[in-house]
């Protein structure tokens, strides 16, 4: 059967609906999920017969699952509560199901208001700053200026975000530590400080980039 999976765009989720059950949507004043904050993260044919089988495929459990889903073109997070599944029975005839706390609930969904997949993202290059000395990364978010130790910084276009395509800032605090990231609506820049001099770095390997700017931010994840 042909299916499409829709997930909430975090940047547009002003009412914090992501990962919430259908009852929460209704209490928040939404008789049905608002399609304008959703985006399509997968569209294709699947050799399954039930909604539960679809859930098992897209609710990834490990790295092997993640690699398989990436291979077939799935660009979202592991299938979770608040996701919407479209089953196309025939051209022009679809049914929509809300992934709820337990099972699926059939709903009304105006898919024409949802955002379509971003095209040609795989060919968008990312900028990278490699640091040879320990230093600090500074950026501004809604809570003010945040400063973190870092040895490496990456800036790239978001592959999943539909909101102005988005940008992703990733940084590593020290060797062998996990990368941390923040997502932005507009192109951010960073301010880098040397550990000893406490002065902005010249970013010699980024001669065409500004050393520092201010910018809005949304959320921080390990």
Protein backbone atom coordinates (compact mmCIF):
# COMPACT_ATOMS: atom_id res chain seq x y z
CA UNK A 1 0.00 0.00 0.00
CA UNK A 2 1.07 3.60 -0.54
CA UNK A 3 1.58 5.61 2.63
CA UNK A 4 2.66 9.08 3.70
CA UNK A 5 3.88 9.93 7.20
CA UNK A 6 3.53 13.43 8.61
CA UNK A 7 5.33 14.78 11.67
CA UNK A 8 5.15 18.07 13.57
CA UNK A 9 7.74 20.73 12.70
CA UNK A 10 9.28 21.69 16.07
CA UNK A 11 9.83 25.33 15.06
CA UNK A 12 6.10 25.81 14.38
CA UNK A 13 4.82 23.93 17.44
CA UNK A 14 3.79 26.93 19.53
CA UNK A 15 1.33 24.89 21.63
CA UNK A 16 3.79 22.06 22.33
CA UNK A 17 1.66 19.41 20.67
CA UNK A 18 4.51 17.17 19.53
CA UNK A 19 4.44 13.69 21.14
CA UNK A 20 1.06 14.46 22.76
CA UNK A 21 -2.06 12.23 22.45
CA UNK A 22 -5.14 13.22 20.49
CA UNK A 23 -7.01 14.09 23.70
CA UNK A 24 -4.39 16.77 24.41
CA UNK A 25 -4.96 18.33 20.97
CA UNK A 26 -8.68 18.50 21.66
CA UNK A 27 -8.18 20.09 25.09
CA UNK A 28 -5.90 22.64 23.43
CA UNK A 29 -8.74 23.63 21.10
CA UNK A 30 -7.95 21.52 18.02
CA UNK A 31 -10.84 19.25 16.92
CA UNK A 32 -8.34 17.70 14.49
CA UNK A 33 -4.55 18.09 14.22
CA UNK A 34 -3.55 21.37 12.49
CA UNK A 35 -1.99 20.33 9.19
CA UNK A 36 -0.09 23.61 8.81
CA UNK A 37 2.44 22.61 11.49
CA UNK A 38 3.08 19.18 9.94
CA UNK A 39 5.50 18.11 7.22
CA UNK A 40 5.77 14.99 5.09
CA UNK A 41 8.76 12.88 6.15
CA UNK A 42 8.06 9.80 4.04
CA UNK A 43 5.99 8.89 1.00
CA UNK A 44 6.20 5.52 -0.72
CA UNK A 45 4.99 1.98 -1.20
CA UNK A 46 5.19 -0.56 1.64
CA UNK A 47 4.51 -4.28 1.61
CA UNK A 48 2.41 -4.34 4.76
CA UNK A 49 -1.23 -5.00 5.56
CA UNK A 50 -1.89 -3.31 8.91
CA UNK A 51 -1.20 -0.05 10.72
CA UNK A 52 0.67 -1.92 13.43
CA UNK A 53 3.11 -3.33 10.85
CA UNK A 54 3.80 0.17 9.58
CA UNK A 55 4.46 1.32 13.14
CA UNK A 56 6.94 -1.49 13.73
CA UNK A 57 8.86 -0.56 10.56
CA UNK A 58 9.12 3.17 11.29
CA UNK A 59 9.51 2.98 15.07
CA UNK A 60 13.23 2.40 14.85
CA UNK A 61 14.96 0.60 17.70
CA UNK A 62 18.65 0.67 16.81
CA UNK A 63 21.25 1.90 14.33
CA UNK A 64 20.41 -0.85 11.84
CA UNK A 65 16.80 0.37 11.75
CA UNK A 66 17.98 3.96 11.33
CA UNK A 67 20.21 3.04 8.38
CA UNK A 68 17.37 1.14 6.70
CA UNK A 69 14.91 4.02 7.11
CA UNK A 70 17.44 6.50 5.76
CA UNK A 71 18.01 4.22 2.77
CA UNK A 72 14.31 4.19 1.86
CA UNK A 73 14.01 7.97 2.19
CA UNK A 74 12.53 8.41 5.66
CA UNK A 75 13.69 11.78 7.05
CA UNK A 76 11.82 12.02 10.35
CA UNK A 77 12.26 10.86 13.91
CA UNK A 78 11.20 7.41 15.09
CA UNK A 79 7.43 7.08 14.61
CA UNK A 80 5.77 8.36 17.75
CA UNK A 81 2.60 9.74 19.29
CA UNK A 82 1.28 12.81 17.37
CA UNK A 83 2.48 11.48 13.99
CA UNK A 84 -0.11 11.13 11.24
CA UNK A 85 -0.28 8.27 8.77
CA UNK A 86 -1.99 8.60 5.39
CA UNK A 87 -3.14 5.40 3.68
CA UNK A 88 -3.90 5.89 0.00
CA UNK A 89 -6.34 3.21 -1.06
CA UNK A 90 -6.66 4.57 -4.60
CA UNK A 91 -5.79 7.82 -6.41
CA UNK A 92 -7.75 10.58 -4.72
CA UNK A 93 -8.97 8.35 -1.88
CA UNK A 94 -7.03 8.51 1.37
CA UNK A 95 -7.66 7.92 5.04
CA UNK A 96 -5.69 9.50 7.86
CA UNK A 97 -4.74 7.94 11.17
CA UNK A 98 -3.33 9.61 14.27
CA UNK A 99 -0.64 7.67 16.14
CA UNK A 100 -2.07 7.78 19.65
CA UNK A 101 -0.90 6.52 23.03
CA UNK A 102 -2.47 3.17 22.24
CA UNK A 103 -2.99 2.31 18.59
CA UNK A 104 -4.28 4.61 15.85
CA UNK A 105 -7.36 6.85 15.63
CA UNK A 106 -8.91 7.77 12.29
CA UNK A 107 -9.06 11.56 11.87
CA UNK A 108 -9.79 14.35 9.42
CA UNK A 109 -6.60 15.95 8.08
CA UNK A 110 -6.20 18.69 5.47
CA UNK A 111 -3.01 17.44 3.89
CA UNK A 112 -2.95 20.25 1.32
CA UNK A 113 -1.96 22.55 4.21
CA UNK A 114 0.96 20.36 5.28
CA UNK A 115 4.46 20.98 3.97
CA UNK A 116 6.02 18.76 1.34
CA UNK A 117 9.48 17.18 1.56
CA UNK A 118 12.52 19.36 0.97
CA UNK A 119 14.22 18.53 -2.32
CA UNK A 120 17.95 18.24 -3.13
CA UNK A 121 19.09 18.58 0.47
CA UNK A 122 21.70 15.85 0.13
CA UNK A 123 23.84 18.09 -2.07
CA UNK A 124 23.89 21.08 0.30
CA UNK A 125 27.43 21.39 1.72
CA UNK A 126 28.14 22.25 5.33
CA UNK A 127 30.73 24.59 6.77
CA UNK A 128 33.13 23.25 9.36
CA UNK A 129 35.63 24.86 11.72
CA UNK A 130 38.33 22.57 13.10
CA UNK A 131 40.00 23.76 16.26
CA UNK A 132 43.53 22.78 17.29
CA UNK A 133 43.23 24.24 20.81
CA UNK A 134 40.49 24.02 23.43
CA UNK A 135 38.16 26.98 23.24
CA UNK A 136 34.62 28.21 23.77
CA UNK A 137 31.58 28.59 21.52
CA UNK A 138 29.16 31.45 22.27
CA UNK A 139 25.71 32.00 20.75
CA UNK A 140 22.52 33.81 21.75
CA UNK A 141 19.13 32.18 22.28
CA UNK A 142 15.83 33.25 23.82
CA UNK A 143 17.33 32.86 27.28
CA UNK A 144 20.38 35.01 26.54
CA UNK A 145 23.96 34.17 25.66
CA UNK A 146 25.09 30.55 25.99
CA UNK A 147 28.77 29.63 26.22
CA UNK A 148 30.10 26.08 25.83
CA UNK A 149 33.59 24.57 25.61
CA UNK A 150 34.25 23.21 22.12
CA UNK A 151 36.95 21.80 19.88
CA UNK A 152 34.93 21.58 16.65
CA UNK A 153 31.91 23.33 15.13
CA UNK A 154 29.75 22.49 12.11
CA UNK A 155 27.03 24.52 10.41
CA UNK A 156 24.73 22.87 7.88
CA UNK A 157 21.30 23.11 6.31
CA UNK A 158 18.68 21.07 8.15
CA UNK A 159 17.53 18.03 6.21
CA UNK A 160 14.27 17.64 8.14
CA UNK A 161 13.11 21.20 8.77
CA UNK A 162 10.57 22.79 6.46
CA UNK A 163 10.56 26.15 8.23
CA UNK A 164 12.69 28.30 5.88
CA UNK A 165 14.66 25.08 5.35
CA UNK A 166 16.42 25.77 8.64
CA UNK A 167 20.02 25.48 9.78
CA UNK A 168 21.71 23.16 12.23
CA UNK A 169 24.66 24.12 14.44
CA UNK A 170 26.62 21.18 15.84
CA UNK A 171 29.54 21.31 18.23
CA UNK A 172 31.76 18.89 20.11
CA UNK A 173 32.96 19.89 23.57
CA UNK A 174 35.93 17.51 23.70
CA UNK A 175 37.31 14.46 21.92
CA UNK A 176 35.22 11.31 22.30
CA UNK A 177 32.29 13.33 23.66
CA UNK A 178 28.94 13.25 21.80
CA UNK A 179 28.07 16.04 19.39
CA UNK A 180 25.49 18.54 20.59
CA UNK A 181 23.25 20.52 18.28
CA UNK A 182 20.84 23.42 17.94
CA UNK A 183 18.39 24.15 15.13
CA UNK A 184 17.66 27.65 13.81
CA UNK A 185 15.12 29.28 11.52
CA UNK A 186 17.71 31.61 9.95
CA UNK A 187 21.38 31.25 9.16
CA UNK A 188 23.32 31.56 12.43
CA UNK A 189 26.95 32.43 13.08
CA UNK A 190 29.15 31.71 16.07
CA UNK A 191 31.61 33.51 18.30
CA UNK A 192 34.69 31.45 19.13
CA UNK A 193 36.99 32.22 22.05
CA UNK A 194 40.44 30.82 22.73
CA UNK A 195 40.75 29.14 26.10
CA UNK A 196 43.80 31.17 27.19
CA UNK A 197 43.48 34.49 25.36
CA UNK A 198 39.74 34.94 25.95
CA UNK A 199 39.55 36.68 22.57
CA UNK A 200 37.53 35.85 19.47
CA UNK A 201 39.25 33.49 17.07
CA UNK A 202 39.98 34.70 13.55
CA UNK A 203 38.43 31.58 12.00
CA UNK A 204 41.30 31.38 9.51
CA UNK A 205 39.79 28.35 7.84
CA UNK A 206 36.61 30.36 7.19
CA UNK A 207 38.01 33.53 5.54
CA UNK A 208 34.71 34.45 3.96
CA UNK A 209 32.65 34.14 7.14
CA UNK A 210 31.99 36.70 9.82
CA UNK A 211 33.53 35.89 13.21
CA UNK A 212 30.40 36.70 15.19
CA UNK A 213 26.71 37.55 14.86
CA UNK A 214 23.61 37.24 17.02
CA UNK A 215 20.68 35.05 16.08
CA UNK A 216 17.53 33.34 17.44
CA UNK A 217 17.52 29.70 18.56
CA UNK A 218 14.98 27.01 19.24
CA UNK A 219 16.08 23.89 21.06
CA UNK A 220 19.18 22.06 22.25
CA UNK A 221 19.61 18.29 22.03
CA UNK A 222 22.53 15.97 22.75
